N, C-alpha and C. Protein backbone atom coordinates (compact mmCIF):
# COMPACT_ATOMS: atom_id res chain seq x y z
N UNK A 1 66.23 -27.75 -127.01
CA UNK A 1 66.82 -27.71 -125.67
C UNK A 1 66.49 -26.38 -124.98
N UNK A 2 66.36 -26.42 -123.66
CA UNK A 2 66.03 -25.22 -122.91
C UNK A 2 67.05 -24.12 -123.10
N UNK A 3 68.32 -24.51 -123.09
CA UNK A 3 69.38 -23.50 -123.14
C UNK A 3 69.31 -22.66 -124.41
N UNK A 4 68.79 -23.22 -125.51
CA UNK A 4 68.76 -22.48 -126.77
C UNK A 4 67.64 -21.46 -126.80
N UNK A 5 66.59 -21.64 -125.98
CA UNK A 5 65.47 -20.72 -125.98
C UNK A 5 65.50 -19.77 -124.78
N UNK A 6 66.29 -20.09 -123.78
CA UNK A 6 66.39 -19.24 -122.61
C UNK A 6 67.83 -18.74 -122.50
N UNK A 7 68.52 -19.10 -121.43
CA UNK A 7 69.92 -18.71 -121.29
C UNK A 7 70.83 -19.84 -121.76
N UNK A 8 71.97 -19.49 -122.29
CA UNK A 8 72.95 -20.49 -122.71
C UNK A 8 74.28 -20.20 -122.02
N UNK A 9 75.10 -21.23 -121.93
CA UNK A 9 76.40 -21.08 -121.28
C UNK A 9 77.33 -20.25 -122.16
N UNK A 10 77.77 -19.08 -121.68
CA UNK A 10 78.70 -18.28 -122.48
C UNK A 10 80.04 -19.02 -122.61
N UNK A 11 80.67 -18.96 -123.77
CA UNK A 11 81.98 -19.59 -123.89
C UNK A 11 83.01 -18.83 -123.06
N UNK A 12 84.05 -19.54 -122.66
CA UNK A 12 85.15 -18.87 -121.98
C UNK A 12 85.78 -17.85 -122.94
N UNK A 13 86.28 -16.74 -122.42
CA UNK A 13 86.91 -15.75 -123.30
C UNK A 13 88.34 -16.11 -123.70
N UNK A 14 88.75 -17.34 -123.41
CA UNK A 14 90.11 -17.81 -123.72
C UNK A 14 90.08 -19.34 -123.70
N UNK A 15 91.11 -20.01 -124.24
CA UNK A 15 91.18 -21.47 -124.17
C UNK A 15 91.28 -21.96 -122.73
N UNK A 16 90.88 -23.21 -122.50
CA UNK A 16 90.88 -23.75 -121.14
C UNK A 16 92.27 -23.76 -120.50
N UNK A 17 93.32 -23.81 -121.31
CA UNK A 17 94.68 -23.85 -120.75
C UNK A 17 95.32 -22.46 -120.66
N UNK A 18 94.55 -21.41 -120.94
CA UNK A 18 95.13 -20.06 -121.04
C UNK A 18 95.61 -19.50 -119.70
N UNK A 19 95.06 -20.01 -118.60
CA UNK A 19 95.40 -19.45 -117.29
C UNK A 19 96.40 -20.31 -116.53
N UNK A 20 96.92 -21.35 -117.16
CA UNK A 20 97.92 -22.18 -116.51
C UNK A 20 99.22 -21.40 -116.33
N UNK A 21 99.98 -21.66 -115.27
CA UNK A 21 99.78 -22.70 -114.26
C UNK A 21 98.94 -22.26 -113.06
N UNK A 22 98.45 -21.01 -113.06
CA UNK A 22 97.70 -20.53 -111.90
C UNK A 22 96.40 -21.31 -111.72
N UNK A 23 95.65 -21.43 -112.82
CA UNK A 23 94.42 -22.23 -112.83
C UNK A 23 94.54 -23.22 -113.98
N UNK A 24 94.45 -24.49 -113.67
CA UNK A 24 94.69 -25.53 -114.67
C UNK A 24 93.51 -25.67 -115.63
N UNK A 25 93.80 -26.23 -116.80
CA UNK A 25 92.75 -26.55 -117.76
C UNK A 25 91.75 -27.53 -117.16
N UNK A 26 92.23 -28.42 -116.32
CA UNK A 26 91.34 -29.39 -115.66
C UNK A 26 90.32 -28.67 -114.78
N UNK A 27 90.80 -27.70 -113.99
CA UNK A 27 89.89 -26.93 -113.14
C UNK A 27 88.89 -26.15 -114.00
N UNK A 28 89.36 -25.47 -115.04
CA UNK A 28 88.45 -24.70 -115.88
C UNK A 28 87.43 -25.59 -116.57
N UNK A 29 87.84 -26.78 -116.97
CA UNK A 29 86.92 -27.71 -117.62
C UNK A 29 85.76 -28.06 -116.70
N UNK A 30 86.07 -28.37 -115.44
CA UNK A 30 85.02 -28.69 -114.47
C UNK A 30 84.23 -27.46 -114.06
N UNK A 31 84.94 -26.39 -113.78
CA UNK A 31 84.31 -25.19 -113.22
C UNK A 31 83.37 -24.55 -114.24
N UNK A 32 83.83 -24.38 -115.45
CA UNK A 32 83.00 -23.79 -116.50
C UNK A 32 82.05 -24.81 -117.12
N UNK A 33 82.60 -25.94 -117.51
CA UNK A 33 81.82 -26.92 -118.26
C UNK A 33 80.81 -27.70 -117.45
N UNK A 34 80.97 -27.74 -116.13
CA UNK A 34 80.03 -28.48 -115.29
C UNK A 34 79.32 -27.56 -114.28
N UNK A 35 80.07 -26.87 -113.42
CA UNK A 35 79.43 -26.03 -112.41
C UNK A 35 78.63 -24.89 -113.04
N UNK A 36 79.28 -24.08 -113.87
CA UNK A 36 78.61 -22.95 -114.50
C UNK A 36 77.45 -23.45 -115.37
N UNK A 37 77.69 -24.49 -116.13
CA UNK A 37 76.67 -25.04 -117.01
C UNK A 37 75.44 -25.50 -116.22
N UNK A 38 75.67 -26.09 -115.06
CA UNK A 38 74.55 -26.57 -114.24
C UNK A 38 73.72 -25.42 -113.70
N UNK A 39 74.37 -24.31 -113.31
CA UNK A 39 73.61 -23.14 -112.86
C UNK A 39 72.69 -22.64 -113.98
N UNK A 40 73.23 -22.57 -115.20
CA UNK A 40 72.44 -22.11 -116.35
C UNK A 40 71.27 -23.05 -116.61
N UNK A 41 71.53 -24.33 -116.63
CA UNK A 41 70.49 -25.30 -116.93
C UNK A 41 69.41 -25.33 -115.86
N UNK A 42 69.83 -25.22 -114.60
CA UNK A 42 68.86 -25.21 -113.50
C UNK A 42 68.00 -23.95 -113.55
N UNK A 43 68.63 -22.81 -113.83
CA UNK A 43 67.87 -21.57 -113.95
C UNK A 43 66.83 -21.68 -115.06
N UNK A 44 67.22 -22.23 -116.20
CA UNK A 44 66.28 -22.37 -117.31
C UNK A 44 65.07 -23.20 -116.92
N UNK A 45 65.30 -24.26 -116.17
CA UNK A 45 64.19 -25.11 -115.73
C UNK A 45 63.27 -24.35 -114.77
N UNK A 46 63.88 -23.55 -113.89
CA UNK A 46 63.10 -22.82 -112.89
C UNK A 46 62.25 -21.71 -113.49
N UNK A 47 62.73 -21.07 -114.54
CA UNK A 47 62.00 -19.93 -115.09
C UNK A 47 61.17 -20.27 -116.31
N UNK A 48 61.27 -21.48 -116.81
CA UNK A 48 60.50 -21.89 -117.99
C UNK A 48 59.01 -21.69 -117.72
N UNK A 49 58.37 -20.93 -118.58
CA UNK A 49 56.93 -20.70 -118.44
C UNK A 49 56.56 -19.63 -117.43
N UNK A 50 57.54 -18.92 -116.87
CA UNK A 50 57.26 -17.85 -115.90
C UNK A 50 57.53 -16.48 -116.54
N UNK A 51 57.22 -15.43 -115.79
CA UNK A 51 57.47 -14.07 -116.28
C UNK A 51 58.96 -13.78 -116.44
N UNK A 52 59.79 -14.56 -115.75
CA UNK A 52 61.24 -14.34 -115.82
C UNK A 52 61.83 -14.83 -117.14
N UNK A 53 61.07 -15.58 -117.90
CA UNK A 53 61.62 -16.22 -119.10
C UNK A 53 62.16 -15.21 -120.11
N UNK A 54 61.58 -14.03 -120.14
CA UNK A 54 62.03 -13.02 -121.10
C UNK A 54 62.85 -11.92 -120.45
N UNK A 55 63.26 -12.12 -119.19
CA UNK A 55 64.03 -11.11 -118.46
C UNK A 55 65.53 -11.34 -118.62
N UNK A 56 66.30 -10.29 -118.38
CA UNK A 56 67.76 -10.42 -118.36
C UNK A 56 68.19 -11.04 -117.03
N UNK A 57 69.40 -11.55 -116.98
CA UNK A 57 69.92 -12.10 -115.73
C UNK A 57 69.92 -11.04 -114.64
N UNK A 58 70.35 -9.83 -114.99
CA UNK A 58 70.41 -8.75 -113.99
C UNK A 58 69.03 -8.45 -113.42
N UNK A 59 68.02 -8.44 -114.29
CA UNK A 59 66.66 -8.17 -113.81
C UNK A 59 66.16 -9.28 -112.90
N UNK A 60 66.41 -10.51 -113.27
CA UNK A 60 65.99 -11.64 -112.44
C UNK A 60 66.65 -11.56 -111.07
N UNK A 61 67.94 -11.28 -111.06
CA UNK A 61 68.69 -11.19 -109.80
C UNK A 61 68.12 -10.08 -108.92
N UNK A 62 67.92 -8.91 -109.51
CA UNK A 62 67.41 -7.77 -108.74
C UNK A 62 66.01 -8.04 -108.19
N UNK A 63 65.17 -8.67 -109.00
CA UNK A 63 63.78 -8.90 -108.60
C UNK A 63 63.62 -10.02 -107.58
N UNK A 64 64.58 -10.94 -107.52
CA UNK A 64 64.45 -12.07 -106.59
C UNK A 64 65.32 -11.95 -105.35
N UNK A 65 66.23 -10.97 -105.33
CA UNK A 65 67.15 -10.82 -104.19
C UNK A 65 66.38 -10.60 -102.89
N UNK A 66 66.73 -11.37 -101.88
CA UNK A 66 66.14 -11.20 -100.56
C UNK A 66 64.76 -11.79 -100.39
N UNK A 67 64.23 -12.44 -101.41
CA UNK A 67 62.90 -13.04 -101.32
C UNK A 67 63.02 -14.54 -101.07
N UNK A 68 62.59 -14.96 -99.89
CA UNK A 68 62.78 -16.36 -99.49
C UNK A 68 62.14 -17.34 -100.46
N UNK A 69 60.98 -16.98 -101.01
CA UNK A 69 60.29 -17.90 -101.92
C UNK A 69 60.91 -17.93 -103.31
N UNK A 70 61.85 -17.02 -103.57
CA UNK A 70 62.53 -16.98 -104.87
C UNK A 70 64.01 -17.32 -104.75
N UNK A 71 64.41 -17.86 -103.61
CA UNK A 71 65.83 -18.08 -103.34
C UNK A 71 66.50 -18.99 -104.36
N UNK A 72 65.82 -20.02 -104.80
CA UNK A 72 66.43 -20.95 -105.75
C UNK A 72 66.66 -20.26 -107.10
N UNK A 73 65.69 -19.45 -107.51
CA UNK A 73 65.87 -18.70 -108.76
C UNK A 73 67.02 -17.72 -108.61
N UNK A 74 67.03 -16.98 -107.49
CA UNK A 74 68.11 -16.01 -107.26
C UNK A 74 69.47 -16.68 -107.28
N UNK A 75 69.62 -17.77 -106.53
CA UNK A 75 70.92 -18.43 -106.43
C UNK A 75 71.45 -18.86 -107.79
N UNK A 76 70.61 -19.45 -108.61
CA UNK A 76 71.08 -19.94 -109.90
C UNK A 76 71.29 -18.81 -110.91
N UNK A 77 70.46 -17.76 -110.83
CA UNK A 77 70.66 -16.60 -111.71
C UNK A 77 71.93 -15.86 -111.32
N UNK A 78 72.10 -15.63 -110.01
CA UNK A 78 73.28 -14.88 -109.55
C UNK A 78 74.56 -15.65 -109.80
N UNK A 79 74.55 -16.95 -109.59
CA UNK A 79 75.75 -17.74 -109.85
C UNK A 79 76.06 -17.81 -111.34
N UNK A 80 75.04 -17.81 -112.17
CA UNK A 80 75.27 -17.75 -113.61
C UNK A 80 75.95 -16.44 -113.98
N UNK A 81 75.46 -15.34 -113.42
CA UNK A 81 76.04 -14.01 -113.69
C UNK A 81 77.44 -13.90 -113.10
N UNK A 82 77.59 -14.31 -111.84
CA UNK A 82 78.88 -14.20 -111.16
C UNK A 82 79.98 -14.93 -111.91
N UNK A 83 79.68 -16.12 -112.41
CA UNK A 83 80.72 -16.89 -113.09
C UNK A 83 81.13 -16.25 -114.41
N UNK A 84 80.17 -15.75 -115.17
CA UNK A 84 80.53 -15.06 -116.41
C UNK A 84 81.41 -13.86 -116.11
N UNK A 85 81.07 -13.12 -115.05
CA UNK A 85 81.86 -11.97 -114.64
C UNK A 85 83.26 -12.40 -114.19
N UNK A 86 83.33 -13.51 -113.48
CA UNK A 86 84.62 -14.02 -113.02
C UNK A 86 85.53 -14.40 -114.18
N UNK A 87 85.01 -15.10 -115.18
CA UNK A 87 85.86 -15.48 -116.32
C UNK A 87 86.46 -14.23 -116.97
N UNK A 88 85.65 -13.18 -117.06
CA UNK A 88 86.14 -11.95 -117.68
C UNK A 88 87.06 -11.14 -116.78
N UNK A 89 87.05 -11.45 -115.49
CA UNK A 89 87.95 -10.78 -114.54
C UNK A 89 89.37 -11.31 -114.63
N UNK A 90 89.57 -12.37 -115.41
CA UNK A 90 90.87 -13.04 -115.48
C UNK A 90 91.48 -12.97 -116.86
N UNK A 91 92.79 -12.83 -116.90
CA UNK A 91 93.57 -13.02 -118.12
C UNK A 91 95.03 -13.06 -117.70
N UNK A 92 95.89 -13.56 -118.57
CA UNK A 92 97.31 -13.59 -118.23
C UNK A 92 97.81 -12.17 -118.07
N UNK A 93 98.44 -11.89 -116.95
CA UNK A 93 98.95 -10.55 -116.69
C UNK A 93 98.95 -10.27 -115.20
N UNK A 94 97.84 -9.69 -114.72
CA UNK A 94 97.72 -9.41 -113.29
C UNK A 94 98.74 -8.38 -112.83
N UNK A 95 98.99 -8.39 -111.54
CA UNK A 95 99.96 -7.45 -110.99
C UNK A 95 99.43 -6.04 -110.93
N UNK A 96 100.32 -5.10 -110.72
CA UNK A 96 99.95 -3.70 -110.54
C UNK A 96 99.47 -3.09 -111.85
N UNK A 97 98.28 -2.46 -111.84
CA UNK A 97 97.77 -1.86 -113.07
C UNK A 97 98.40 -0.49 -113.33
N UNK A 98 98.04 0.09 -114.46
CA UNK A 98 98.47 1.44 -114.82
C UNK A 98 97.22 2.26 -115.15
N UNK A 99 97.41 3.52 -115.43
CA UNK A 99 96.32 4.35 -115.90
C UNK A 99 95.34 4.75 -114.81
N UNK A 100 94.08 4.94 -115.22
CA UNK A 100 93.04 5.46 -114.34
C UNK A 100 92.81 4.56 -113.13
N UNK A 101 92.78 3.25 -113.35
CA UNK A 101 92.56 2.32 -112.24
C UNK A 101 93.67 2.47 -111.20
N UNK A 102 94.91 2.57 -111.66
CA UNK A 102 96.03 2.72 -110.74
C UNK A 102 95.89 3.99 -109.91
N UNK A 103 95.48 5.06 -110.56
CA UNK A 103 95.29 6.33 -109.86
C UNK A 103 94.19 6.22 -108.81
N UNK A 104 93.11 5.50 -109.15
CA UNK A 104 92.00 5.32 -108.20
C UNK A 104 92.42 4.44 -107.02
N UNK A 105 93.19 3.41 -107.29
CA UNK A 105 93.68 2.55 -106.21
C UNK A 105 94.56 3.35 -105.26
N UNK A 106 95.41 4.20 -105.83
CA UNK A 106 96.27 5.05 -104.99
C UNK A 106 95.43 5.99 -104.13
N UNK A 107 94.42 6.58 -104.74
CA UNK A 107 93.60 7.57 -104.04
C UNK A 107 92.72 6.92 -102.96
N UNK A 108 92.16 5.76 -103.27
CA UNK A 108 91.15 5.17 -102.39
C UNK A 108 91.69 4.13 -101.41
N UNK A 109 92.86 3.57 -101.72
CA UNK A 109 93.44 2.56 -100.82
C UNK A 109 94.80 2.99 -100.27
N UNK A 110 95.34 4.09 -100.79
CA UNK A 110 96.66 4.51 -100.37
C UNK A 110 97.77 3.73 -101.05
N UNK A 111 97.45 3.16 -102.22
CA UNK A 111 98.46 2.43 -102.99
C UNK A 111 98.04 1.01 -103.32
N UNK A 112 98.70 0.45 -104.34
CA UNK A 112 98.38 -0.90 -104.80
C UNK A 112 98.62 -1.94 -103.72
N UNK A 113 99.68 -1.81 -102.96
CA UNK A 113 100.00 -2.80 -101.92
C UNK A 113 98.88 -2.91 -100.89
N UNK A 114 98.32 -1.77 -100.51
CA UNK A 114 97.21 -1.79 -99.56
C UNK A 114 95.97 -2.42 -100.16
N UNK A 115 95.71 -2.10 -101.44
CA UNK A 115 94.58 -2.73 -102.13
C UNK A 115 94.74 -4.24 -102.17
N UNK A 116 95.92 -4.70 -102.58
CA UNK A 116 96.16 -6.14 -102.69
C UNK A 116 95.95 -6.83 -101.34
N UNK A 117 96.45 -6.23 -100.29
CA UNK A 117 96.30 -6.80 -98.95
C UNK A 117 94.83 -6.89 -98.56
N UNK A 118 94.07 -5.84 -98.87
CA UNK A 118 92.66 -5.80 -98.50
C UNK A 118 91.85 -6.81 -99.31
N UNK A 119 92.12 -6.92 -100.62
CA UNK A 119 91.39 -7.89 -101.44
C UNK A 119 91.71 -9.31 -101.03
N UNK A 120 93.00 -9.60 -100.81
CA UNK A 120 93.40 -10.94 -100.39
C UNK A 120 92.76 -11.30 -99.06
N UNK A 121 92.73 -10.35 -98.14
CA UNK A 121 92.14 -10.61 -96.83
C UNK A 121 90.64 -10.90 -96.95
N UNK A 122 89.95 -10.14 -97.79
CA UNK A 122 88.52 -10.36 -97.99
C UNK A 122 88.26 -11.76 -98.55
N UNK A 123 89.08 -12.16 -99.51
CA UNK A 123 88.90 -13.48 -100.13
C UNK A 123 89.20 -14.61 -99.15
N UNK A 124 90.27 -14.47 -98.40
CA UNK A 124 90.70 -15.54 -97.51
C UNK A 124 89.79 -15.66 -96.29
N UNK A 125 89.26 -14.54 -95.82
CA UNK A 125 88.44 -14.56 -94.61
C UNK A 125 86.95 -14.75 -94.88
N UNK A 126 86.56 -14.83 -96.17
CA UNK A 126 85.16 -15.12 -96.46
C UNK A 126 84.86 -16.53 -95.96
N UNK A 127 84.01 -16.65 -94.95
CA UNK A 127 83.73 -17.95 -94.36
C UNK A 127 82.88 -18.78 -95.30
N UNK A 128 83.31 -19.99 -95.57
CA UNK A 128 82.57 -20.85 -96.49
C UNK A 128 82.71 -20.36 -97.92
N UNK A 129 81.64 -20.53 -98.69
CA UNK A 129 81.67 -20.19 -100.11
C UNK A 129 81.37 -18.71 -100.32
N UNK A 130 81.89 -18.16 -101.40
CA UNK A 130 81.60 -16.77 -101.70
C UNK A 130 82.56 -16.15 -102.69
N UNK A 131 82.64 -14.83 -102.61
CA UNK A 131 83.36 -14.05 -103.61
C UNK A 131 84.05 -12.86 -102.96
N UNK A 132 85.21 -12.47 -103.50
CA UNK A 132 85.85 -11.21 -103.14
C UNK A 132 85.73 -10.28 -104.33
N UNK A 133 85.41 -9.01 -104.08
CA UNK A 133 85.13 -8.07 -105.16
C UNK A 133 85.89 -6.76 -105.00
N UNK A 134 86.25 -6.17 -106.14
CA UNK A 134 86.59 -4.76 -106.21
C UNK A 134 85.38 -4.09 -106.82
N UNK A 135 84.82 -3.09 -106.13
CA UNK A 135 83.61 -2.43 -106.60
C UNK A 135 83.81 -0.92 -106.59
N UNK A 136 82.93 -0.23 -107.32
CA UNK A 136 82.84 1.22 -107.26
C UNK A 136 81.53 1.56 -106.56
N UNK A 137 81.61 2.42 -105.57
CA UNK A 137 80.42 2.82 -104.82
C UNK A 137 80.63 4.22 -104.25
N UNK A 138 79.68 5.10 -104.47
CA UNK A 138 79.79 6.45 -103.93
C UNK A 138 80.99 7.20 -104.45
N UNK A 139 81.39 6.91 -105.67
CA UNK A 139 82.52 7.61 -106.27
C UNK A 139 83.88 7.10 -105.85
N UNK A 140 83.91 6.01 -105.06
CA UNK A 140 85.17 5.44 -104.61
C UNK A 140 85.26 3.95 -104.92
N UNK A 141 86.49 3.44 -104.97
CA UNK A 141 86.71 2.00 -105.10
C UNK A 141 86.74 1.39 -103.71
N UNK A 142 86.12 0.23 -103.58
CA UNK A 142 86.08 -0.48 -102.30
C UNK A 142 86.25 -1.96 -102.54
N UNK A 143 86.73 -2.67 -101.53
CA UNK A 143 86.77 -4.13 -101.54
C UNK A 143 85.63 -4.63 -100.67
N UNK A 144 84.86 -5.56 -101.20
CA UNK A 144 83.78 -6.19 -100.43
C UNK A 144 83.84 -7.69 -100.65
N UNK A 145 83.19 -8.42 -99.76
CA UNK A 145 83.06 -9.87 -99.95
C UNK A 145 81.59 -10.23 -99.81
N UNK A 146 81.18 -11.24 -100.55
CA UNK A 146 79.80 -11.71 -100.48
C UNK A 146 79.78 -13.21 -100.27
N UNK A 147 78.76 -13.69 -99.58
CA UNK A 147 78.62 -15.11 -99.33
C UNK A 147 77.79 -15.79 -100.40
N UNK A 148 78.11 -17.03 -100.65
CA UNK A 148 77.33 -17.87 -101.57
C UNK A 148 77.14 -17.20 -102.92
N UNK A 149 75.89 -16.89 -103.31
CA UNK A 149 75.63 -16.33 -104.64
C UNK A 149 75.48 -14.82 -104.65
N UNK A 150 75.56 -14.18 -103.50
CA UNK A 150 75.27 -12.75 -103.44
C UNK A 150 76.18 -11.94 -104.35
N UNK A 151 75.62 -10.87 -104.90
CA UNK A 151 76.33 -10.03 -105.87
C UNK A 151 76.19 -8.57 -105.47
N UNK A 152 77.25 -7.77 -105.59
CA UNK A 152 77.22 -6.40 -105.07
C UNK A 152 76.21 -5.47 -105.73
N UNK A 153 75.84 -5.70 -107.00
CA UNK A 153 75.01 -4.68 -107.66
C UNK A 153 73.61 -4.59 -107.08
N UNK A 154 73.17 -5.61 -106.33
CA UNK A 154 71.85 -5.49 -105.70
C UNK A 154 71.89 -4.51 -104.53
N UNK A 155 73.10 -4.12 -104.10
CA UNK A 155 73.27 -3.14 -103.03
C UNK A 155 73.74 -1.79 -103.58
N UNK A 156 73.62 -1.62 -104.88
CA UNK A 156 74.00 -0.35 -105.48
C UNK A 156 75.48 -0.18 -105.75
N UNK A 157 76.25 -1.26 -105.62
CA UNK A 157 77.69 -1.21 -105.89
C UNK A 157 77.96 -1.75 -107.30
N UNK A 158 78.89 -1.15 -108.01
CA UNK A 158 79.24 -1.59 -109.36
C UNK A 158 80.44 -2.52 -109.31
N UNK A 159 80.28 -3.81 -109.65
CA UNK A 159 81.43 -4.72 -109.65
C UNK A 159 82.44 -4.35 -110.74
N UNK A 160 83.72 -4.38 -110.36
CA UNK A 160 84.79 -4.13 -111.32
C UNK A 160 85.58 -5.39 -111.62
N UNK A 161 85.86 -6.17 -110.58
CA UNK A 161 86.57 -7.45 -110.68
C UNK A 161 86.05 -8.37 -109.58
N UNK A 162 86.19 -9.68 -109.78
CA UNK A 162 85.86 -10.60 -108.70
C UNK A 162 86.81 -11.79 -108.69
N UNK A 163 86.93 -12.40 -107.52
CA UNK A 163 87.66 -13.66 -107.36
C UNK A 163 86.71 -14.66 -106.70
N UNK A 164 86.52 -15.79 -107.34
CA UNK A 164 85.66 -16.85 -106.83
C UNK A 164 86.41 -17.62 -105.75
N UNK A 165 85.85 -17.69 -104.54
CA UNK A 165 86.50 -18.46 -103.48
C UNK A 165 85.64 -19.65 -103.02
N UNK A 166 84.70 -20.07 -103.85
CA UNK A 166 84.08 -21.37 -103.62
C UNK A 166 85.17 -22.43 -103.78
N UNK A 167 85.08 -23.50 -103.02
CA UNK A 167 86.14 -24.51 -103.08
C UNK A 167 86.34 -25.08 -104.48
N UNK A 168 85.26 -25.22 -105.24
CA UNK A 168 85.42 -25.82 -106.57
C UNK A 168 86.26 -24.95 -107.50
N UNK A 169 86.47 -23.68 -107.13
CA UNK A 169 87.28 -22.79 -107.97
C UNK A 169 88.76 -23.10 -107.89
N UNK A 170 89.18 -23.73 -106.79
CA UNK A 170 90.63 -23.90 -106.59
C UNK A 170 91.05 -25.25 -106.03
N UNK A 171 90.12 -26.10 -105.62
CA UNK A 171 90.52 -27.27 -104.85
C UNK A 171 91.34 -28.29 -105.65
N UNK A 172 91.05 -28.45 -106.92
CA UNK A 172 91.83 -29.41 -107.73
C UNK A 172 93.29 -28.98 -107.83
N UNK A 173 93.53 -27.67 -107.83
CA UNK A 173 94.89 -27.15 -108.00
C UNK A 173 95.59 -26.83 -106.68
N UNK A 174 94.83 -26.40 -105.67
CA UNK A 174 95.44 -25.89 -104.44
C UNK A 174 94.99 -26.60 -103.17
N UNK A 175 94.05 -27.55 -103.31
CA UNK A 175 93.47 -28.21 -102.14
C UNK A 175 92.95 -27.15 -101.15
N UNK A 176 93.38 -27.17 -99.91
CA UNK A 176 92.85 -26.23 -98.93
C UNK A 176 93.65 -24.93 -98.84
N UNK A 177 94.55 -24.70 -99.78
CA UNK A 177 95.42 -23.52 -99.72
C UNK A 177 94.77 -22.33 -100.44
N UNK A 178 93.65 -21.87 -99.90
CA UNK A 178 92.94 -20.75 -100.53
C UNK A 178 93.82 -19.52 -100.66
N UNK A 179 94.62 -19.24 -99.64
CA UNK A 179 95.47 -18.05 -99.66
C UNK A 179 96.45 -18.07 -100.83
N UNK A 180 97.01 -19.25 -101.13
CA UNK A 180 97.96 -19.37 -102.25
C UNK A 180 97.26 -19.10 -103.59
N UNK A 181 96.06 -19.65 -103.72
CA UNK A 181 95.25 -19.44 -104.93
C UNK A 181 94.94 -17.95 -105.11
N UNK A 182 94.48 -17.31 -104.05
CA UNK A 182 94.11 -15.90 -104.12
C UNK A 182 95.32 -15.04 -104.49
N UNK A 183 96.44 -15.28 -103.86
CA UNK A 183 97.65 -14.50 -104.15
C UNK A 183 98.08 -14.67 -105.61
N UNK A 184 98.01 -15.90 -106.10
CA UNK A 184 98.41 -16.16 -107.48
C UNK A 184 97.49 -15.47 -108.47
N UNK A 185 96.18 -15.49 -108.20
CA UNK A 185 95.24 -14.81 -109.09
C UNK A 185 95.49 -13.31 -109.10
N UNK A 186 95.68 -12.71 -107.93
CA UNK A 186 95.92 -11.26 -107.87
C UNK A 186 97.22 -10.90 -108.59
N UNK A 187 98.26 -11.68 -108.36
CA UNK A 187 99.58 -11.36 -108.92
C UNK A 187 99.67 -11.61 -110.42
N UNK A 188 98.91 -12.61 -110.93
CA UNK A 188 99.16 -13.05 -112.30
C UNK A 188 97.96 -13.06 -113.24
N UNK A 189 96.73 -12.89 -112.71
CA UNK A 189 95.57 -13.08 -113.59
C UNK A 189 94.54 -11.96 -113.60
N UNK A 190 94.60 -10.98 -112.73
CA UNK A 190 93.53 -9.97 -112.73
C UNK A 190 93.53 -9.18 -114.04
N UNK A 191 92.33 -9.03 -114.61
CA UNK A 191 92.16 -8.36 -115.90
C UNK A 191 91.82 -6.89 -115.67
N UNK A 192 92.84 -6.07 -115.61
CA UNK A 192 92.63 -4.66 -115.28
C UNK A 192 91.94 -3.89 -116.39
N UNK A 193 92.06 -4.31 -117.62
CA UNK A 193 91.34 -3.63 -118.70
C UNK A 193 89.84 -3.84 -118.56
N UNK A 194 89.42 -5.03 -118.10
CA UNK A 194 88.02 -5.30 -117.82
C UNK A 194 87.53 -4.41 -116.68
N UNK A 195 88.34 -4.28 -115.64
CA UNK A 195 87.96 -3.43 -114.51
C UNK A 195 87.80 -1.99 -114.94
N UNK A 196 88.69 -1.53 -115.82
CA UNK A 196 88.63 -0.15 -116.28
C UNK A 196 87.38 0.11 -117.12
N UNK A 197 86.99 -0.89 -117.93
CA UNK A 197 85.75 -0.78 -118.71
C UNK A 197 84.54 -0.67 -117.77
N UNK A 198 84.53 -1.49 -116.73
CA UNK A 198 83.41 -1.46 -115.78
C UNK A 198 83.36 -0.14 -115.01
N UNK A 199 84.54 0.38 -114.69
CA UNK A 199 84.62 1.66 -113.97
C UNK A 199 84.09 2.78 -114.86
N UNK A 200 84.41 2.73 -116.15
CA UNK A 200 83.95 3.76 -117.07
C UNK A 200 82.44 3.78 -117.20
N UNK A 201 81.82 2.61 -116.99
CA UNK A 201 80.37 2.49 -117.10
C UNK A 201 79.65 2.62 -115.77
N UNK A 202 80.42 2.85 -114.69
CA UNK A 202 79.81 2.91 -113.36
C UNK A 202 78.97 4.16 -113.18
């Protein structure tokens, strides 16, 4: 099979029911087992027999970003990377962090409440499909949003956390209530230890 010689679908870092009731096992089953899996399988087909076959996902994304003739490769590589990053951005907990991340949020946003408002706004106002991100750039933490498959590291920003706001991420559980989904993820699921690891490596 292609997936065994090229890229394979990473397992979820927790059971499918681990994020309930915020994100249902049904949603995770479809989102990870079908959407994410399809991006991986499509990417493998696109790069089979090309120079990209032995490259990392990050290298493929960087090399194909902004190139119209490589858009299909970029989209599937970036979505494969984005989803793996998203699964790791979540765990039971969420809410206000402590430690270094909390200090940085206070310094760069004027407090956790301001950060939460800015991240929620970015996620809710992203038109169509996309992502809301907490990133490190220029020595500061910032909130950014990207459309479709775009990823911040191609612009020199280091992703710390992300929230997927493609409809398939929340529609089974929340229908058109994106704001409710975003608020629940921020309040109950953000993985601050993952963010702190990413910040340490920024």
